[in-house]
Amino acid sequence: MVPLVLVLVGVGFLLSFPFSWLLVHVGNRVGALDSPGAEGHFKDLRKVPNIGGVAIFWSVVAPLAIVFAIIEFAPEPLLAIVPAIDEFLPRLAETQHVWAWMLGGALALHLLGLVDDRRALRAWPKLGLQVAVAAGVVWFGDVRLLSFLSEYGEVGTALSLLASVMWIIVIVNAVNFLDNMDGLAGGITAIAAVCFMVATMLNGQYFIAGALALLVGALAGFLAFNVPPAKLFMGDGGSLFIGFWLAALAARTTFVAPERADYALGTAWYGVFMPIIVLAIPLYDGVFVTLYRLSKRKSPFVGGPEHISHRLVQLGLSKRRAVAVLWLLTAITGISGIGLGRMEPWQAVLVGVQLLAIFLAMAILETSVARSANGDGAPSAAEHKPS
């Protein structure tokens, strides 16, 4: 099954690359270009199509939908090509409703993002729709974190449901916030998806690994046109989908199995923190920017140059170098997180200390820029408009 998962990376790329190329030309021809966003949004508009999310979405969802349809209505040809899939079909049959809700939720947020890209929606109604989609997927699709809490009764179940909805909303908006510089969101989420894909291959959750593999390939094809200087943006139609897909698949992944001594991802309880470590950089950026904007009595949903990527540029890095630094930091945290559940407690503590050190370094850089902008002689945020 591992070779099949790796083949799906290629499938995602071979679909996304030509589709993205086509969208560059179509977007320029029809005027589907970068838009100003909601009122008060701080943005340097560029004549670049912002419909790349269409290529990413369909390069992931279309192959999945086709495979699920084949398995449901005519599995024999697929079994003849990939006989190893036969032992996983009963599990897939049990979770069909889960995948249906996940695909439905992905489509809903993709469409929400496409509408927002063309006609900016107000922040709170947009957030309300995200909450509705997340709640539906969690409640009806059983896409849940910390499901073991149900053993403690209704209170435990309620906590699991609430944590799952919050997880999806936070990751969706963290990825959306991250889409502020050429190549940044696409590269970071591709690295995170690779880490999750490796984890799910190790623990034998091959359908989840395949869904992640398609995302990795789709992002790689898109990034060919999105690295600085970008010819194509993903737009909210891409970032909302990617955030949801990563959050939902992480929620469906079993990161720890205490009852199985030989479990590939380990038995230690702190292994449940793996997705937080893998997505540490977008989570840090989202939290920091939200708190900073609230401290300035600004809406956290109104864009501005407060992101770590902008701070690095203000400190003198080129945009390419700033993006590369954040890609590398994501790789460091992601690789550290994969084996978290197999580590001895002291090793897990070291990973936590490493993560804290990275956060402190980023905070020092960010606050240094903020102090300089207040009169210490360095360029102010207003002199560097985000892309």
Protein backbone atom coordinates (compact mmCIF):
# COMPACT_ATOMS: atom_id res chain seq x y z
CA MET A 1 0.00 0.00 0.00
CA VAL A 2 2.92 2.37 0.58
CA PRO A 3 3.83 2.43 -3.16
CA LEU A 4 0.18 3.23 -3.97
CA VAL A 5 0.21 6.16 -1.55
CA LEU A 6 3.38 7.50 -3.17
CA VAL A 7 1.81 7.10 -6.61
CA LEU A 8 -1.06 9.30 -5.43
CA VAL A 9 1.43 12.11 -4.75
CA GLY A 10 2.25 11.93 -8.45
CA VAL A 11 -1.44 11.83 -9.38
CA GLY A 12 -2.11 14.98 -7.38
CA PHE A 13 0.83 16.74 -9.05
CA LEU A 14 -0.07 15.63 -12.58
CA LEU A 15 -3.58 16.98 -12.09
CA SER A 16 -2.66 20.18 -10.29
CA PHE A 17 0.27 21.36 -12.41
CA PRO A 18 -1.53 21.67 -15.78
CA PHE A 19 -4.73 22.82 -14.04
CA SER A 20 -2.80 25.61 -12.28
CA TRP A 21 -1.14 26.59 -15.56
CA LEU A 22 -4.57 26.82 -17.16
CA LEU A 23 -5.94 28.91 -14.30
CA VAL A 24 -3.08 31.40 -14.66
CA HIS A 25 -4.19 32.10 -18.23
CA VAL A 26 -7.93 31.89 -17.59
CA GLY A 27 -7.69 34.11 -14.52
CA ASN A 28 -5.82 36.80 -16.40
CA ARG A 29 -8.20 36.60 -19.34
CA VAL A 30 -11.45 36.88 -17.31
CA GLY A 31 -10.10 39.21 -14.65
CA ALA A 32 -10.32 36.80 -11.69
CA LEU A 33 -7.48 38.64 -9.99
CA ASP A 34 -6.34 39.43 -6.46
CA SER A 35 -9.14 41.25 -4.65
CA PRO A 36 -9.02 43.88 -1.87
CA GLY A 37 -10.86 41.82 0.74
CA ALA A 38 -13.07 43.16 3.51
CA GLU A 39 -13.23 46.81 4.51
CA GLY A 40 -10.11 47.88 6.38
CA HIS A 41 -8.03 45.02 4.96
CA PHE A 42 -4.38 46.07 4.50
CA LYS A 43 -3.20 44.66 1.21
CA ASP A 44 -0.94 45.48 -1.72
CA LEU A 45 -3.09 44.43 -4.68
CA ARG A 46 -1.32 42.69 -7.56
CA LYS A 47 -2.58 41.65 -10.97
CA VAL A 48 -2.32 37.95 -10.17
CA PRO A 49 -5.20 35.44 -10.47
CA ASN A 50 -6.39 34.23 -7.04
CA ILE A 51 -8.23 31.11 -8.17
CA GLY A 52 -5.45 28.57 -7.63
CA GLY A 53 -7.51 26.93 -4.90
CA VAL A 54 -9.71 25.47 -7.63
CA ALA A 55 -6.77 23.40 -8.93
CA ILE A 56 -5.79 22.28 -5.42
CA PHE A 57 -9.33 21.33 -4.44
CA TRP A 58 -10.25 19.31 -7.51
CA SER A 59 -6.85 17.62 -7.72
CA VAL A 60 -7.58 16.17 -4.28
CA VAL A 61 -11.35 15.66 -4.29
CA ALA A 62 -11.91 14.38 -7.84
CA PRO A 63 -9.55 11.35 -7.55
CA LEU A 64 -10.98 10.50 -4.12
CA ALA A 65 -14.55 10.70 -5.38
CA ILE A 66 -13.69 8.49 -8.37
CA VAL A 67 -11.95 5.88 -6.19
CA PHE A 68 -14.81 5.79 -3.70
CA ALA A 69 -17.33 5.43 -6.55
CA ILE A 70 -15.33 2.55 -8.05
CA ILE A 71 -15.07 0.81 -4.69
CA GLU A 72 -18.80 1.22 -4.11
CA PHE A 73 -20.13 0.21 -7.53
CA ALA A 74 -17.42 -1.75 -9.39
CA PRO A 75 -14.51 -2.76 -7.13
CA GLU A 76 -13.33 -5.72 -9.22
CA PRO A 77 -11.13 -3.75 -11.69
CA LEU A 78 -9.48 -1.88 -8.83
CA LEU A 79 -8.87 -5.10 -6.90
CA ALA A 80 -7.30 -6.64 -9.99
CA ILE A 81 -4.82 -3.74 -10.17
CA VAL A 82 -4.26 -3.30 -6.41
CA PRO A 83 -5.20 -6.58 -4.68
CA ALA A 84 -3.72 -5.35 -1.37
CA ILE A 85 -6.65 -2.97 -1.01
CA ASP A 86 -9.06 -5.85 -0.41
CA GLU A 87 -8.28 -6.21 3.31
CA PHE A 88 -9.07 -2.52 3.88
CA LEU A 89 -12.47 -2.48 2.16
CA PRO A 90 -14.49 -3.54 5.24
CA ARG A 91 -13.05 -0.63 7.23
CA LEU A 92 -13.79 1.75 4.38
CA ALA A 93 -17.39 0.53 4.25
CA GLU A 94 -17.74 1.33 7.96
CA THR A 95 -16.42 4.85 7.47
CA GLN A 96 -18.18 5.80 4.23
CA HIS A 97 -20.38 8.33 6.01
CA VAL A 98 -17.26 9.91 7.54
CA TRP A 99 -15.68 10.48 4.14
CA ALA A 100 -18.98 11.74 2.72
CA TRP A 101 -19.20 14.39 5.45
CA MET A 102 -15.55 15.31 5.07
CA LEU A 103 -15.89 15.77 1.31
CA GLY A 104 -19.10 17.73 1.84
CA GLY A 105 -17.44 19.99 4.40
CA ALA A 106 -14.45 20.49 2.11
CA LEU A 107 -16.75 21.50 -0.75
CA ALA A 108 -18.71 23.90 1.45
CA LEU A 109 -15.60 25.74 2.65
CA HIS A 110 -14.09 25.75 -0.84
CA LEU A 111 -17.23 27.42 -2.20
CA LEU A 112 -17.29 29.85 0.74
CA GLY A 113 -13.72 30.82 -0.08
CA LEU A 114 -14.44 31.25 -3.79
CA VAL A 115 -17.34 33.60 -3.02
CA ASP A 116 -15.18 35.56 -0.57
CA ASP A 117 -12.44 35.90 -3.19
CA ARG A 118 -14.82 37.55 -5.63
CA ARG A 119 -17.08 39.46 -3.24
CA ALA A 120 -15.63 39.97 0.23
CA LEU A 121 -17.84 38.62 2.99
CA ARG A 122 -18.05 40.16 6.45
CA ALA A 123 -15.86 38.42 9.01
CA TRP A 124 -18.45 37.24 11.52
CA PRO A 125 -20.95 35.70 9.06
CA LYS A 126 -17.99 33.98 7.39
CA LEU A 127 -16.84 32.61 10.75
CA GLY A 128 -20.40 31.51 11.53
CA LEU A 129 -20.53 29.47 8.33
CA GLN A 130 -17.19 27.87 9.22
CA VAL A 131 -18.52 26.93 12.65
CA ALA A 132 -21.67 25.44 11.09
CA VAL A 133 -19.63 23.31 8.68
CA ALA A 134 -17.22 22.18 11.40
CA ALA A 135 -20.05 21.32 13.80
CA GLY A 136 -21.87 19.32 11.12
CA VAL A 137 -18.76 17.34 10.18
CA VAL A 138 -17.91 16.66 13.83
CA TRP A 139 -21.44 15.73 14.96
CA PHE A 140 -22.72 13.82 11.94
CA GLY A 141 -19.42 12.69 10.41
CA ASP A 142 -17.79 11.67 13.71
CA VAL A 143 -14.61 13.57 12.82
CA ARG A 144 -13.44 13.86 16.41
CA LEU A 145 -10.35 14.51 18.46
CA LEU A 146 -9.88 12.92 21.88
CA SER A 147 -12.71 10.43 21.30
CA PHE A 148 -11.52 8.45 24.34
CA LEU A 149 -13.09 11.16 26.51
CA SER A 150 -16.48 9.57 25.75
CA GLU A 151 -15.52 6.86 28.26
CA TYR A 152 -16.12 9.47 30.96
CA GLY A 153 -19.76 10.03 30.06
CA GLU A 154 -21.66 12.92 28.50
CA VAL A 155 -19.30 15.56 29.83
CA GLY A 156 -16.34 13.80 28.20
CA THR A 157 -18.23 13.49 24.91
CA ALA A 158 -19.16 17.17 25.00
CA LEU A 159 -15.53 18.14 25.60
CA SER A 160 -14.42 15.96 22.69
CA LEU A 161 -17.00 17.50 20.37
CA LEU A 162 -16.14 21.04 21.43
CA ALA A 163 -12.39 20.44 21.09
CA SER A 164 -12.92 18.98 17.60
CA VAL A 165 -14.97 21.94 16.36
CA MET A 166 -12.48 24.39 17.83
CA TRP A 167 -9.57 22.47 16.26
CA ILE A 168 -11.08 22.68 12.78
CA ILE A 169 -11.93 26.38 13.11
CA VAL A 170 -8.48 27.28 14.48
CA ILE A 171 -6.57 25.38 11.76
CA VAL A 172 -8.81 26.70 8.96
CA ASN A 173 -8.16 30.29 10.04
CA ALA A 174 -4.47 29.70 10.83
CA VAL A 175 -3.89 28.54 7.25
CA ASN A 176 -6.02 31.40 5.94
CA PHE A 177 -3.93 33.90 7.97
CA LEU A 178 -0.75 32.25 6.68
CA ASP A 179 -1.64 32.98 3.07
CA ASN A 180 0.05 36.38 3.11
CA MET A 181 3.21 35.92 1.03
CA ASP A 182 4.09 34.10 -2.17
CA GLY A 183 4.71 30.40 -1.56
CA LEU A 184 4.24 30.61 2.20
CA ALA A 185 0.93 28.85 2.90
CA GLY A 186 1.38 26.34 0.09
CA GLY A 187 4.87 25.35 1.20
CA ILE A 188 4.15 25.12 4.92
CA THR A 189 0.97 23.10 4.46
CA ALA A 190 2.72 20.79 1.97
CA ILE A 191 5.43 20.08 4.56
CA ALA A 192 2.81 19.48 7.26
CA ALA A 193 0.87 17.18 4.93
CA VAL A 194 4.04 15.15 4.25
CA CYS A 195 4.57 14.71 8.00
CA PHE A 196 0.99 13.56 8.52
CA MET A 197 1.24 11.29 5.47
CA VAL A 198 4.35 9.60 6.86
CA ALA A 199 2.63 9.12 10.23
CA THR A 200 -0.47 7.55 8.69
CA MET A 201 1.59 5.23 6.50
CA LEU A 202 3.51 4.09 9.56
CA ASN A 203 0.33 3.28 11.47
CA GLY A 204 -1.44 1.66 8.51
CA GLN A 205 -4.20 4.24 7.95
CA TYR A 206 -3.67 4.11 4.22
CA PHE A 207 -6.85 5.82 3.04
CA ILE A 208 -6.01 8.86 5.15
CA ALA A 209 -2.42 8.66 3.87
CA GLY A 210 -3.76 8.59 0.30
CA ALA A 211 -5.93 11.65 0.90
CA LEU A 212 -2.87 13.46 2.28
CA ALA A 213 -0.71 12.25 -0.61
CA LEU A 214 -3.11 13.82 -3.10
CA LEU A 215 -2.90 17.09 -1.16
CA VAL A 216 0.92 16.97 -1.18
CA GLY A 217 0.96 16.46 -4.95
CA ALA A 218 -1.70 19.11 -5.56
CA LEU A 219 0.22 21.66 -3.50
CA ALA A 220 3.47 20.82 -5.31
CA GLY A 221 1.81 21.42 -8.68
CA PHE A 222 0.33 24.70 -7.45
CA LEU A 223 3.61 25.87 -5.89
CA ALA A 224 5.28 25.74 -9.31
CA PHE A 225 3.24 28.88 -10.07
CA ASN A 226 3.12 30.34 -6.55
CA VAL A 227 6.74 30.62 -5.43
CA PRO A 228 8.02 34.22 -5.51
CA PRO A 229 7.20 35.99 -7.74
CA ALA A 230 3.81 34.27 -7.88
CA LYS A 231 1.83 33.88 -11.07
CA LEU A 232 -1.12 32.38 -9.18
CA PHE A 233 -2.59 32.76 -5.68
CA MET A 234 -4.60 30.06 -3.90
CA GLY A 235 -7.14 32.56 -2.53
CA ASP A 236 -9.56 31.72 0.24
CA GLY A 237 -10.96 29.03 -2.03
CA GLY A 238 -7.69 27.21 -1.45
CA SER A 239 -6.68 28.18 2.08
CA LEU A 240 -10.04 27.36 3.69
CA PHE A 241 -10.10 23.96 2.00
CA ILE A 242 -6.49 23.12 2.87
CA GLY A 243 -6.94 24.11 6.52
CA PHE A 244 -10.11 22.04 6.80
CA TRP A 245 -8.58 19.02 5.06
CA LEU A 246 -5.51 18.98 7.29
CA ALA A 247 -7.57 19.48 10.45
CA ALA A 248 -10.15 16.81 9.56
CA LEU A 249 -7.59 14.21 8.51
CA ALA A 250 -5.53 14.86 11.65
CA ALA A 251 -8.68 14.36 13.73
CA ARG A 252 -9.25 11.00 12.03
CA THR A 253 -5.66 9.85 12.61
CA THR A 254 -4.84 7.60 15.56
CA PHE A 255 -1.65 9.09 16.97
CA VAL A 256 -1.46 6.92 20.09
CA ALA A 257 -2.67 3.37 20.89
CA PRO A 258 -1.82 2.59 24.55
CA GLU A 259 -3.35 -0.89 24.27
CA ARG A 260 -0.94 -1.90 21.46
CA ALA A 261 2.68 -2.19 22.57
CA ASP A 262 3.86 -2.50 18.95
CA TYR A 263 1.91 0.51 17.62
CA ALA A 264 4.09 2.34 15.10
CA LEU A 265 3.36 5.84 16.43
CA GLY A 266 3.76 4.78 20.04
CA THR A 267 1.80 4.34 23.24
CA ALA A 268 2.73 7.43 25.26
CA TRP A 269 -0.23 9.72 26.04
CA TYR A 270 1.63 12.84 24.92
CA GLY A 271 1.64 11.52 21.36
CA VAL A 272 -1.77 13.18 20.95
CA PHE A 273 0.09 16.49 20.69
CA MET A 274 1.73 15.48 17.41
CA PRO A 275 -0.66 17.49 15.17
CA ILE A 276 -0.08 20.61 17.26
CA ILE A 277 3.69 20.24 16.86
CA VAL A 278 3.44 19.57 13.12
CA LEU A 279 1.27 22.68 12.66
CA ALA A 280 3.15 24.72 15.27
CA ILE A 281 4.28 27.51 12.91
CA PRO A 282 0.83 28.39 11.48
CA LEU A 283 -0.67 28.03 14.98
CA TYR A 284 1.94 30.37 16.46
CA ASP A 285 1.43 32.93 13.71
CA GLY A 286 -2.35 32.81 14.03
CA VAL A 287 -2.31 33.17 17.82
CA PHE A 288 0.32 35.93 17.84
CA VAL A 289 -1.43 37.97 15.15
CA THR A 290 -4.84 37.57 16.82
CA LEU A 291 -3.54 38.68 20.23
CA TYR A 292 -1.56 41.55 18.70
CA ARG A 293 -4.54 42.88 16.78
CA LEU A 294 -6.83 42.55 19.78
CA SER A 295 -4.27 44.45 21.90
CA LYS A 296 -4.48 47.26 19.34
CA ARG A 297 -8.31 47.08 19.43
CA LYS A 298 -8.42 45.83 15.86
CA SER A 299 -10.45 42.98 14.45
CA PRO A 300 -8.30 39.83 14.21
CA PHE A 301 -9.92 39.13 10.84
CA VAL A 302 -8.82 42.37 9.18
CA GLY A 303 -5.52 41.70 7.42
CA GLY A 304 -2.35 43.67 8.05
CA PRO A 305 1.46 43.36 8.12
CA GLU A 306 1.71 41.78 11.57
CA HIS A 307 2.59 38.24 10.47
CA ILE A 308 5.98 36.68 11.18
CA SER A 309 6.67 36.60 7.42
CA HIS A 310 6.26 40.38 7.24
CA ARG A 311 8.41 40.86 10.34
CA LEU A 312 11.25 38.87 8.77
CA VAL A 313 11.08 41.04 5.66
CA GLN A 314 11.07 44.17 7.81
CA LEU A 315 14.25 42.89 9.46
CA GLY A 316 15.97 42.78 6.09
CA LEU A 317 15.30 39.33 4.61
CA SER A 318 14.03 39.06 1.07
CA LYS A 319 10.59 37.55 0.67
CA ARG A 320 12.12 34.38 -0.74
CA ARG A 321 14.42 34.03 2.27
CA ALA A 322 11.63 34.78 4.74
CA VAL A 323 9.48 32.06 3.17
CA ALA A 324 12.42 29.62 3.15
CA VAL A 325 13.08 30.25 6.86
CA LEU A 326 9.46 29.46 7.75
CA TRP A 327 9.45 26.37 5.54
CA LEU A 328 12.54 25.10 7.36
CA LEU A 329 11.09 25.84 10.79
CA THR A 330 7.96 23.88 9.82
CA ALA A 331 10.13 20.95 8.70
CA ILE A 332 11.99 21.03 12.04
CA THR A 333 8.83 20.99 14.15
CA GLY A 334 7.07 18.51 11.87
CA ILE A 335 9.87 15.96 11.84
CA SER A 336 10.17 16.25 15.62
CA GLY A 337 6.48 15.55 16.03
CA ILE A 338 6.23 12.35 13.98
CA GLY A 339 7.78 10.09 16.59
CA LEU A 340 6.47 11.90 19.66
CA GLY A 341 4.37 8.99 20.95
CA ARG A 342 7.37 6.63 20.84
CA MET A 343 9.69 8.89 22.79
CA GLU A 344 10.72 8.51 26.38
CA PRO A 345 9.29 11.26 28.61
CA TRP A 346 12.63 13.10 28.77
CA GLN A 347 12.87 13.06 24.98
CA ALA A 348 9.36 14.45 24.65
CA VAL A 349 10.30 17.20 27.10
CA LEU A 350 13.26 18.08 24.87
CA VAL A 351 10.92 18.39 21.88
CA GLY A 352 8.73 20.70 23.94
CA VAL A 353 11.75 22.79 24.96
CA GLN A 354 12.87 22.95 21.32
CA LEU A 355 9.42 24.15 20.29
CA LEU A 356 9.37 26.75 23.07
CA ALA A 357 12.82 27.98 21.99
CA ILE A 358 11.59 28.41 18.40
CA PHE A 359 8.55 30.32 19.61
CA LEU A 360 10.68 32.57 21.82
CA ALA A 361 13.07 33.30 18.95
CA MET A 362 10.13 34.22 16.71
CA ALA A 363 8.60 36.37 19.43
CA ILE A 364 11.90 38.22 19.94
CA LEU A 365 12.08 38.94 16.22
CA GLU A 366 8.46 40.10 16.10
CA THR A 367 8.65 42.34 19.14
CA SER A 368 11.96 43.80 17.93
CA VAL A 369 10.26 44.96 14.75
CA ALA A 370 7.30 46.32 16.73
CA ARG A 371 9.65 48.33 18.97
CA SER A 372 11.55 49.64 15.96
CA ALA A 373 8.32 50.70 14.33
CA ASN A 374 7.54 52.73 17.44
CA GLY A 375 10.57 54.94 16.97
CA ASP A 376 13.86 53.05 17.25
CA GLY A 377 14.87 53.88 13.72
CA ALA A 378 14.02 50.72 11.80
CA PRO A 379 11.38 50.69 9.05
CA SER A 380 7.82 50.71 10.21
CA ALA A 381 5.21 48.14 9.23
CA ALA A 382 3.48 50.65 6.99
CA GLU A 383 6.58 50.83 4.76
CA HIS A 384 6.36 47.12 3.88
CA LYS A 385 3.05 46.09 2.43
CA PRO A 386 2.21 42.39 2.56
CA SER A 387 1.81 40.46 -0.62
